[in-house]
Amino acid sequence: MNLIGFKSLGYAQDTTISAATALPTIPAGASLVLLQVTGKDVRWRDDGTDPTASIGMILNADADPYPYSGDLSAIRFIETAASAVLNVAYYAPR
């Protein structure tokens, strides 16, 4: 993903996603995140329904970062098995 034209607003990590969880504190102005999962796969949904360990879009553990630019306050995550870690980098247009 090309991040030219974006500035970094910070980074967060969530290690407690055994239940449907929102993004960690979203910095003001953030409109794009890069998501990367380690340990175990994570599922996500952004349609107003919480994901479950077996239902939702999958983020594979240890894959390349996934860019997301939808409604950052609507997306929810849940691990498919214990010990998943969600890494989040926040960006805003320059």
PDB file of N, CA and C in Angstrom:
ATOM      1  N   MET A   1       0.838  -1.176   0.000  1.00  0.00           N
ATOM      2  CA  MET A   1       0.000   0.000   0.000  1.00  0.00           C
ATOM      3  C   MET A   1       0.880   1.235   0.000  1.00  0.00           C
ATOM      4  N   ASN A   2       0.556   2.176  -0.851  1.00  0.00           N
ATOM      5  CA  ASN A   2       1.287   3.429  -0.957  1.00  0.00           C
ATOM      6  C   ASN A   2       0.691   4.436   0.021  1.00  0.00           C
ATOM      7  N   LEU A   3       1.497   4.910   0.962  1.00  0.00           N
ATOM      8  CA  LEU A   3       1.015   5.853   1.970  1.00  0.00           C
ATOM      9  C   LEU A   3       1.447   7.288   1.681  1.00  0.00           C
ATOM     10  N   ILE A   4       1.901   7.541   0.449  1.00  0.00           N
ATOM     11  CA  ILE A   4       2.229   8.913   0.061  1.00  0.00           C
ATOM     12  C   ILE A   4       0.948   9.736   0.169  1.00  0.00           C
ATOM     13  N   GLY A   5       1.047  10.890   0.770  1.00  0.00           N
ATOM     14  CA  GLY A   5      -0.128  11.735   0.964  1.00  0.00           C
ATOM     15  C   GLY A   5      -0.823  11.500   2.293  1.00  0.00           C
ATOM     16  N   PHE A   6      -0.297  10.576   3.110  1.00  0.00           N
ATOM     17  CA  PHE A   6      -0.859  10.305   4.429  1.00  0.00           C
ATOM     18  C   PHE A   6       0.194  10.560   5.501  1.00  0.00           C
ATOM     19  N   LYS A   7      -0.250  10.939   6.675  1.00  0.00           N
ATOM     20  CA  LYS A   7       0.663  11.084   7.802  1.00  0.00           C
ATOM     21  C   LYS A   7       0.264  10.099   8.888  1.00  0.00           C
ATOM     22  N   SER A   8       1.242   9.598   9.583  1.00  0.00           N
ATOM     23  CA  SER A   8       0.999   8.654  10.664  1.00  0.00           C
ATOM     24  C   SER A   8       0.430   9.377  11.871  1.00  0.00           C
ATOM     25  N   LEU A   9      -0.605   8.776  12.457  1.00  0.00           N
ATOM     26  CA  LEU A   9      -1.207   9.327  13.674  1.00  0.00           C
ATOM     27  C   LEU A   9      -0.980   8.441  14.883  1.00  0.00           C
ATOM     28  N   GLY A  10      -0.296   7.333  14.683  1.00  0.00           N
ATOM     29  CA  GLY A  10      -0.005   6.482  15.826  1.00  0.00           C
ATOM     30  C   GLY A  10      -0.236   5.011  15.573  1.00  0.00           C
ATOM     31  N   TYR A  11      -0.016   4.250  16.618  1.00  0.00           N
ATOM     32  CA  TYR A  11      -0.062   2.793  16.577  1.00  0.00           C
ATOM     33  C   TYR A  11      -0.735   2.292  17.851  1.00  0.00           C
ATOM     34  N   ALA A  12      -1.451   1.197  17.727  1.00  0.00           N
ATOM     35  CA  ALA A  12      -2.055   0.558  18.897  1.00  0.00           C
ATOM     36  C   ALA A  12      -2.007  -0.955  18.706  1.00  0.00           C
ATOM     37  N   GLN A  13      -2.049  -1.663  19.809  1.00  0.00           N
ATOM     38  CA  GLN A  13      -2.072  -3.120  19.778  1.00  0.00           C
ATOM     39  C   GLN A  13      -3.148  -3.586  20.738  1.00  0.00           C
ATOM     40  N   ASP A  14      -3.931  -4.581  20.302  1.00  0.00           N
ATOM     41  CA  ASP A  14      -4.982  -5.146  21.152  1.00  0.00           C
ATOM     42  C   ASP A  14      -4.739  -6.637  21.293  1.00  0.00           C
ATOM     43  N   THR A  15      -4.580  -7.084  22.524  1.00  0.00           N
ATOM     44  CA  THR A  15      -4.331  -8.500  22.799  1.00  0.00           C
ATOM     45  C   THR A  15      -5.519  -9.163  23.472  1.00  0.00           C
ATOM     46  N   THR A  16      -6.607  -8.415  23.644  1.00  0.00           N
ATOM     47  CA  THR A  16      -7.792  -8.962  24.317  1.00  0.00           C
ATOM     48  C   THR A  16      -8.990  -8.877  23.372  1.00  0.00           C
ATOM     49  N   ILE A  17      -9.020  -9.767  22.401  1.00  0.00           N
ATOM     50  CA  ILE A  17     -10.101  -9.756  21.411  1.00  0.00           C
ATOM     51  C   ILE A  17     -10.849 -11.088  21.412  1.00  0.00           C
ATOM     52  N   SER A  18     -11.100 -11.602  22.617  1.00  0.00           N
ATOM     53  CA  SER A  18     -11.854 -12.853  22.731  1.00  0.00           C
ATOM     54  C   SER A  18     -13.354 -12.612  22.571  1.00  0.00           C
ATOM     55  N   ALA A  19     -13.777 -11.365  22.662  1.00  0.00           N
ATOM     56  CA  ALA A  19     -15.153 -10.953  22.373  1.00  0.00           C
ATOM     57  C   ALA A  19     -15.075  -9.854  21.316  1.00  0.00           C
ATOM     58  N   ALA A  20     -16.173  -9.616  20.613  1.00  0.00           N
ATOM     59  CA  ALA A  20     -16.179  -8.585  19.566  1.00  0.00           C
ATOM     60  C   ALA A  20     -15.703  -7.262  20.155  1.00  0.00           C
ATOM     61  N   THR A  21     -14.719  -6.670  19.494  1.00  0.00           N
ATOM     62  CA  THR A  21     -14.015  -5.504  20.012  1.00  0.00           C
ATOM     63  C   THR A  21     -13.828  -4.456  18.932  1.00  0.00           C
ATOM     64  N   ALA A  22     -14.000  -3.190  19.299  1.00  0.00           N
ATOM     65  CA  ALA A  22     -13.758  -2.079  18.377  1.00  0.00           C
ATOM     66  C   ALA A  22     -12.256  -1.798  18.287  1.00  0.00           C
ATOM     67  N   LEU A  23     -11.891  -0.927  17.351  1.00  0.00           N
ATOM     68  CA  LEU A  23     -10.504  -0.485  17.275  1.00  0.00           C
ATOM     69  C   LEU A  23     -10.115   0.195  18.578  1.00  0.00           C
ATOM     70  N   PRO A  24      -8.841   0.036  18.979  1.00  0.00           N
ATOM     71  CA  PRO A  24      -8.380   0.822  20.129  1.00  0.00           C
ATOM     72  C   PRO A  24      -8.547   2.314  19.823  1.00  0.00           C
ATOM     73  N   THR A  25      -8.446   3.151  20.817  1.00  0.00           N
ATOM     74  CA  THR A  25      -8.687   4.587  20.690  1.00  0.00           C
ATOM     75  C   THR A  25      -8.264   5.132  19.329  1.00  0.00           C
ATOM     76  N   ILE A  26      -9.235   5.675  18.599  1.00  0.00           N
ATOM     77  CA  ILE A  26      -8.996   6.180  17.245  1.00  0.00           C
ATOM     78  C   ILE A  26      -8.579   7.643  17.340  1.00  0.00           C
ATOM     79  N   PRO A  27      -7.387   7.988  16.848  1.00  0.00           N
ATOM     80  CA  PRO A  27      -6.951   9.381  16.897  1.00  0.00           C
ATOM     81  C   PRO A  27      -7.858  10.278  16.046  1.00  0.00           C
ATOM     82  N   ALA A  28      -8.045  11.505  16.480  1.00  0.00           N
ATOM     83  CA  ALA A  28      -8.833  12.476  15.712  1.00  0.00           C
ATOM     84  C   ALA A  28      -8.234  12.629  14.319  1.00  0.00           C
ATOM     85  N   GLY A  29      -9.081  12.624  13.309  1.00  0.00           N
ATOM     86  CA  GLY A  29      -8.647  12.815  11.933  1.00  0.00           C
ATOM     87  C   GLY A  29      -8.277  11.538  11.201  1.00  0.00           C
ATOM     88  N   ALA A  30      -8.173  10.411  11.902  1.00  0.00           N
ATOM     89  CA  ALA A  30      -7.800   9.152  11.251  1.00  0.00           C
ATOM     90  C   ALA A  30      -8.873   8.730  10.255  1.00  0.00           C
ATOM     91  N   SER A  31      -8.444   8.338   9.067  1.00  0.00           N
ATOM     92  CA  SER A  31      -9.394   7.875   8.051  1.00  0.00           C
ATOM     93  C   SER A  31      -8.943   6.576   7.390  1.00  0.00           C
ATOM     94  N   LEU A  32      -7.773   6.092   7.775  1.00  0.00           N
ATOM     95  CA  LEU A  32      -7.207   4.875   7.204  1.00  0.00           C
ATOM     96  C   LEU A  32      -6.436   4.154   8.296  1.00  0.00           C
ATOM     97  N   VAL A  33      -6.565   2.825   8.315  1.00  0.00           N
ATOM     98  CA  VAL A  33      -5.741   2.019   9.206  1.00  0.00           C
ATOM     99  C   VAL A  33      -5.079   0.915   8.411  1.00  0.00           C
ATOM    100  N   LEU A  34      -3.911   0.512   8.868  1.00  0.00           N
ATOM    101  CA  LEU A  34      -3.291  -0.719   8.397  1.00  0.00           C
ATOM    102  C   LEU A  34      -3.439  -1.709   9.535  1.00  0.00           C
ATOM    103  N   LEU A  35      -4.001  -2.867   9.232  1.00  0.00           N
ATOM    104  CA  LEU A  35      -4.264  -3.907  10.225  1.00  0.00           C
ATOM    105  C   LEU A  35      -3.343  -5.087   9.965  1.00  0.00           C
ATOM    106  N   GLN A  36      -2.742  -5.593  10.999  1.00  0.00           N
ATOM    107  CA  GLN A  36      -1.953  -6.817  10.879  1.00  0.00           C
ATOM    108  C   GLN A  36      -2.182  -7.651  12.130  1.00  0.00           C
ATOM    109  N   VAL A  37      -2.335  -8.950  11.916  1.00  0.00           N
ATOM    110  CA  VAL A  37      -2.642  -9.880  12.991  1.00  0.00           C
ATOM    111  C   VAL A  37      -1.480 -10.844  13.165  1.00  0.00           C
ATOM    112  N   THR A  38      -1.144 -11.154  14.412  1.00  0.00           N
ATOM    113  CA  THR A  38      -0.144 -12.176  14.699  1.00  0.00           C
ATOM    114  C   THR A  38      -0.750 -13.203  15.646  1.00  0.00           C
ATOM    115  N   GLY A  39      -0.155 -14.375  15.662  1.00  0.00           N
ATOM    116  CA  GLY A  39      -0.619 -15.438  16.561  1.00  0.00           C
ATOM    117  C   GLY A  39      -1.683 -16.318  15.947  1.00  0.00           C
ATOM    118  N   LYS A  40      -2.914 -15.839  15.935  1.00  0.00           N
ATOM    119  CA  LYS A  40      -4.062 -16.572  15.381  1.00  0.00           C
ATOM    120  C   LYS A  40      -4.856 -15.644  14.478  1.00  0.00           C
ATOM    121  N   ASP A  41      -5.664 -16.218  13.595  1.00  0.00           N
ATOM    122  CA  ASP A  41      -6.502 -15.420  12.697  1.00  0.00           C
ATOM    123  C   ASP A  41      -7.538 -14.628  13.483  1.00  0.00           C
ATOM    124  N   VAL A  42      -8.007 -13.545  12.867  1.00  0.00           N
ATOM    125  CA  VAL A  42      -9.035 -12.681  13.437  1.00  0.00           C
ATOM    126  C   VAL A  42     -10.125 -12.490  12.389  1.00  0.00           C
ATOM    127  N   ARG A  43     -11.369 -12.399  12.821  1.00  0.00           N
ATOM    128  CA  ARG A  43     -12.480 -12.079  11.912  1.00  0.00           C
ATOM    129  C   ARG A  43     -12.965 -10.669  12.203  1.00  0.00           C
ATOM    130  N   TRP A  44     -13.526 -10.021  11.169  1.00  0.00           N
ATOM    131  CA  TRP A  44     -14.044  -8.663  11.346  1.00  0.00           C
ATOM    132  C   TRP A  44     -15.333  -8.469  10.565  1.00  0.00           C
ATOM    133  N   ARG A  45     -16.117  -7.512  11.040  1.00  0.00           N
ATOM    134  CA  ARG A  45     -17.318  -7.048  10.335  1.00  0.00           C
ATOM    135  C   ARG A  45     -17.450  -5.558  10.590  1.00  0.00           C
ATOM    136  N   ASP A  46     -18.059  -4.863   9.633  1.00  0.00           N
ATOM    137  CA  ASP A  46     -18.283  -3.422   9.796  1.00  0.00           C
ATOM    138  C   ASP A  46     -19.705  -3.032   9.402  1.00  0.00           C
ATOM    139  N   ASP A  47     -20.613  -4.011   9.454  1.00  0.00           N
ATOM    140  CA  ASP A  47     -21.994  -3.782   9.012  1.00  0.00           C
ATOM    141  C   ASP A  47     -22.982  -3.633  10.167  1.00  0.00           C
ATOM    142  N   GLY A  48     -22.476  -3.441  11.380  1.00  0.00           N
ATOM    143  CA  GLY A  48     -23.359  -3.269  12.524  1.00  0.00           C
ATOM    144  C   GLY A  48     -23.637  -4.553  13.279  1.00  0.00           C
ATOM    145  N   THR A  49     -23.154  -5.678  12.778  1.00  0.00           N
ATOM    146  CA  THR A  49     -23.302  -6.969  13.449  1.00  0.00           C
ATOM    147  C   THR A  49     -21.932  -7.426  13.908  1.00  0.00           C
ATOM    148  N   ASP A  50     -21.838  -7.902  15.144  1.00  0.00           N
ATOM    149  CA  ASP A  50     -20.545  -8.368  15.649  1.00  0.00           C
ATOM    150  C   ASP A  50     -20.108  -9.639  14.937  1.00  0.00           C
ATOM    151  N   PRO A  51     -18.810  -9.763  14.656  1.00  0.00           N
ATOM    152  CA  PRO A  51     -18.307 -11.019  14.111  1.00  0.00           C
ATOM    153  C   PRO A  51     -18.283 -12.082  15.207  1.00  0.00           C
ATOM    154  N   THR A  52     -18.168 -13.322  14.789  1.00  0.00           N
ATOM    155  CA  THR A  52     -17.948 -14.431  15.722  1.00  0.00           C
ATOM    156  C   THR A  52     -16.659 -15.121  15.300  1.00  0.00           C
ATOM    157  N   ALA A  53     -16.245 -16.095  16.067  1.00  0.00           N
ATOM    158  CA  ALA A  53     -15.021 -16.821  15.734  1.00  0.00           C
ATOM    159  C   ALA A  53     -15.132 -17.563  14.409  1.00  0.00           C
ATOM    160  N   SER A  54     -16.373 -17.754  13.910  1.00  0.00           N
ATOM    161  CA  SER A  54     -16.548 -18.484  12.644  1.00  0.00           C
ATOM    162  C   SER A  54     -17.267 -17.670  11.562  1.00  0.00           C
ATOM    163  N   ILE A  55     -17.722 -16.457  11.886  1.00  0.00           N
ATOM    164  CA  ILE A  55     -18.458 -15.652  10.903  1.00  0.00           C
ATOM    165  C   ILE A  55     -17.856 -14.257  10.830  1.00  0.00           C
ATOM    166  N   GLY A  56     -17.538 -13.845   9.627  1.00  0.00           N
ATOM    167  CA  GLY A  56     -16.963 -12.530   9.373  1.00  0.00           C
ATOM    168  C   GLY A  56     -15.822 -12.651   8.388  1.00  0.00           C
ATOM    169  N   MET A  57     -15.337 -11.524   7.944  1.00  0.00           N
ATOM    170  CA  MET A  57     -14.191 -11.489   7.040  1.00  0.00           C
ATOM    171  C   MET A  57     -12.950 -11.882   7.834  1.00  0.00           C
ATOM    172  N   ILE A  58     -12.047 -12.642   7.202  1.00  0.00           N
ATOM    173  CA  ILE A  58     -10.891 -13.144   7.932  1.00  0.00           C
ATOM    174  C   ILE A  58      -9.652 -12.297   7.670  1.00  0.00           C
ATOM    175  N   LEU A  59      -8.912 -12.044   8.723  1.00  0.00           N
ATOM    176  CA  LEU A  59      -7.567 -11.485   8.632  1.00  0.00           C
ATOM    177  C   LEU A  59      -6.640 -12.614   9.060  1.00  0.00           C
ATOM    178  N   ASN A  60      -5.833 -13.084   8.135  1.00  0.00           N
ATOM    179  CA  ASN A  60      -4.946 -14.203   8.435  1.00  0.00           C
ATOM    180  C   ASN A  60      -3.750 -13.746   9.260  1.00  0.00           C
ATOM    181  N   ALA A  61      -3.420 -14.547  10.257  1.00  0.00           N
ATOM    182  CA  ALA A  61      -2.270 -14.252  11.102  1.00  0.00           C
ATOM    183  C   ALA A  61      -1.000 -14.213  10.261  1.00  0.00           C
ATOM    184  N   ASP A  62      -0.161 -13.256  10.569  1.00  0.00           N
ATOM    185  CA  ASP A  62       1.165 -13.118   9.966  1.00  0.00           C
ATOM    186  C   ASP A  62       1.140 -12.785   8.476  1.00  0.00           C
ATOM    187  N   ALA A  63       0.016 -12.325   7.961  1.00  0.00           N
ATOM    188  CA  ALA A  63      -0.077 -11.893   6.562  1.00  0.00           C
ATOM    189  C   ALA A  63       0.365 -10.433   6.456  1.00  0.00           C
ATOM    190  N   ASP A  64       0.499  -9.951   5.233  1.00  0.00           N
ATOM    191  CA  ASP A  64       0.827  -8.547   5.017  1.00  0.00           C
ATOM    192  C   ASP A  64      -0.244  -7.661   5.632  1.00  0.00           C
ATOM    193  N   PRO A  65       0.102  -6.426   5.990  1.00  0.00           N
ATOM    194  CA  PRO A  65      -0.901  -5.510   6.546  1.00  0.00           C
ATOM    195  C   PRO A  65      -2.070  -5.312   5.586  1.00  0.00           C
ATOM    196  N   TYR A  66      -3.257  -5.179   6.165  1.00  0.00           N
ATOM    197  CA  TYR A  66      -4.485  -4.992   5.404  1.00  0.00           C
ATOM    198  C   TYR A  66      -4.955  -3.554   5.584  1.00  0.00           C
ATOM    199  N   PRO A  67      -5.111  -2.788   4.491  1.00  0.00           N
ATOM    200  CA  PRO A  67      -5.608  -1.417   4.627  1.00  0.00           C
ATOM    201  C   PRO A  67      -7.135  -1.405   4.752  1.00  0.00           C
ATOM    202  N   TYR A  68      -7.645  -0.546   5.628  1.00  0.00           N
ATOM    203  CA  TYR A  68      -9.085  -0.383   5.801  1.00  0.00           C
ATOM    204  C   TYR A  68      -9.387   1.107   5.905  1.00  0.00           C
ATOM    205  N   SER A  69     -10.342   1.571   5.091  1.00  0.00           N
ATOM    206  CA  SER A  69     -10.683   2.997   5.106  1.00  0.00           C
ATOM    207  C   SER A  69     -12.186   3.227   5.215  1.00  0.00           C
ATOM    208  N   GLY A  70     -12.899   2.236   5.717  1.00  0.00           N
ATOM    209  CA  GLY A  70     -14.332   2.405   5.948  1.00  0.00           C
ATOM    210  C   GLY A  70     -14.561   3.176   7.241  1.00  0.00           C
ATOM    211  N   ASP A  71     -15.737   3.023   7.823  1.00  0.00           N
ATOM    212  CA  ASP A  71     -16.087   3.698   9.069  1.00  0.00           C
ATOM    213  C   ASP A  71     -15.280   3.069  10.209  1.00  0.00           C
ATOM    214  N   LEU A  72     -14.255   3.782  10.661  1.00  0.00           N
ATOM    215  CA  LEU A  72     -13.366   3.227  11.687  1.00  0.00           C
ATOM    216  C   LEU A  72     -14.083   2.958  13.002  1.00  0.00           C
ATOM    217  N   SER A  73     -15.171   3.666  13.260  1.00  0.00           N
ATOM    218  CA  SER A  73     -15.901   3.446  14.516  1.00  0.00           C
ATOM    219  C   SER A  73     -16.850   2.254  14.430  1.00  0.00           C
ATOM    220  N   ALA A  74     -17.079   1.723  13.229  1.00  0.00           N
ATOM    221  CA  ALA A  74     -18.034   0.621  13.063  1.00  0.00           C
ATOM    222  C   ALA A  74     -17.385  -0.763  13.025  1.00  0.00           C
ATOM    223  N   ILE A  75     -16.112  -0.847  12.704  1.00  0.00           N
ATOM    224  CA  ILE A  75     -15.477  -2.151  12.528  1.00  0.00           C
ATOM    225  C   ILE A  75     -15.257  -2.828  13.887  1.00  0.00           C
ATOM    226  N   ARG A  76     -15.513  -4.142  13.918  1.00  0.00           N
ATOM    227  CA  ARG A  76     -15.341  -4.948  15.125  1.00  0.00           C
ATOM    228  C   ARG A  76     -14.525  -6.184  14.778  1.00  0.00           C
ATOM    229  N   PHE A  77     -13.761  -6.678  15.753  1.00  0.00           N
ATOM    230  CA  PHE A  77     -12.852  -7.800  15.561  1.00  0.00           C
ATOM    231  C   PHE A  77     -13.070  -8.842  16.637  1.00  0.00           C
ATOM    232  N   ILE A  78     -12.749 -10.100  16.292  1.00  0.00           N
ATOM    233  CA  ILE A  78     -12.737 -11.178  17.287  1.00  0.00           C
ATOM    234  C   ILE A  78     -11.729 -12.225  16.832  1.00  0.00           C
ATOM    235  N   GLU A  79     -11.015 -12.794  17.774  1.00  0.00           N
ATOM    236  CA  GLU A  79     -10.049 -13.829  17.426  1.00  0.00           C
ATOM    237  C   GLU A  79     -10.763 -15.146  17.131  1.00  0.00           C
ATOM    238  N   THR A  80     -10.166 -15.953  16.242  1.00  0.00           N
ATOM    239  CA  THR A  80     -10.739 -17.257  15.934  1.00  0.00           C
ATOM    240  C   THR A  80     -10.292 -18.305  16.945  1.00  0.00           C
ATOM    241  N   ALA A  81      -9.200 -18.040  17.636  1.00  0.00           N
ATOM    242  CA  ALA A  81      -8.674 -18.901  18.694  1.00  0.00           C
ATOM    243  C   ALA A  81      -7.819 -18.036  19.610  1.00  0.00           C
ATOM    244  N   ALA A  82      -7.597 -18.505  20.809  1.00  0.00           N
ATOM    245  CA  ALA A  82      -6.857 -17.720  21.800  1.00  0.00           C
ATOM    246  C   ALA A  82      -5.467 -17.346  21.312  1.00  0.00           C
ATOM    247  N   SER A  83      -5.024 -16.190  21.718  1.00  0.00           N
ATOM    248  CA  SER A  83      -3.684 -15.630  21.540  1.00  0.00           C
ATOM    249  C   SER A  83      -3.486 -14.813  20.266  1.00  0.00           C
ATOM    250  N   ALA A  84      -4.560 -14.358  19.638  1.00  0.00           N
ATOM    251  CA  ALA A  84      -4.425 -13.448  18.497  1.00  0.00           C
ATOM    252  C   ALA A  84      -4.057 -12.054  19.012  1.00  0.00           C
ATOM    253  N   VAL A  85      -3.276 -11.354  18.220  1.00  0.00           N
ATOM    254  CA  VAL A  85      -2.880  -9.981  18.531  1.00  0.00           C
ATOM    255  C   VAL A  85      -3.207  -9.125  17.313  1.00  0.00           C
ATOM    256  N   LEU A  86      -3.929  -8.037  17.523  1.00  0.00           N
ATOM    257  CA  LEU A  86      -4.294  -7.102  16.458  1.00  0.00           C
ATOM    258  C   LEU A  86      -3.404  -5.872  16.560  1.00  0.00           C
ATOM    259  N   ASN A  87      -2.651  -5.595  15.500  1.00  0.00           N
ATOM    260  CA  ASN A  87      -1.793  -4.421  15.416  1.00  0.00           C
ATOM    261  C   ASN A  87      -2.451  -3.420  14.477  1.00  0.00           C
ATOM    262  N   VAL A  88      -2.506  -2.157  14.880  1.00  0.00           N
ATOM    263  CA  VAL A  88      -3.211  -1.123  14.124  1.00  0.00           C
ATOM    264  C   VAL A  88      -2.317   0.103  13.977  1.00  0.00           C
ATOM    265  N   ALA A  89      -2.115   0.552  12.737  1.00  0.00           N
ATOM    266  CA  ALA A  89      -1.431   1.820  12.474  1.00  0.00           C
ATOM    267  C   ALA A  89      -2.459   2.778  11.889  1.00  0.00           C
ATOM    268  N   TYR A  90      -2.550   3.971  12.463  1.00  0.00           N
ATOM    269  CA  TYR A  90      -3.551   4.962  12.069  1.00  0.00           C
ATOM    270  C   TYR A  90      -2.930   6.026  11.153  1.00  0.00           C
ATOM    271  N   TYR A  91      -3.704   6.464  10.133  1.00  0.00           N
ATOM    272  CA  TYR A  91      -3.217   7.468   9.182  1.00  0.00           C
ATOM    273  C   TYR A  91      -4.328   8.470   8.859  1.00  0.00           C
ATOM    274  N   ALA A  92      -3.895   9.664   8.461  1.00  0.00           N
ATOM    275  CA  ALA A  92      -4.805  10.711   8.002  1.00  0.00           C
ATOM    276  C   ALA A  92      -4.195  11.356   6.769  1.00  0.00           C
ATOM    277  N   PRO A  93      -5.026  11.906   5.885  1.00  0.00           N
ATOM    278  CA  PRO A  93      -4.467  12.625   4.746  1.00  0.00           C
ATOM    279  C   PRO A  93      -3.629  13.809   5.227  1.00  0.00           C
ATOM    280  N   ARG A  94      -2.587  14.128   4.491  1.00  0.00           N
ATOM    281  CA  ARG A  94      -1.742  15.290   4.835  1.00  0.00           C
ATOM    282  C   ARG A  94      -2.469  16.562   4.538  1.00  0.00           C
TER     283      ARG A  94
END
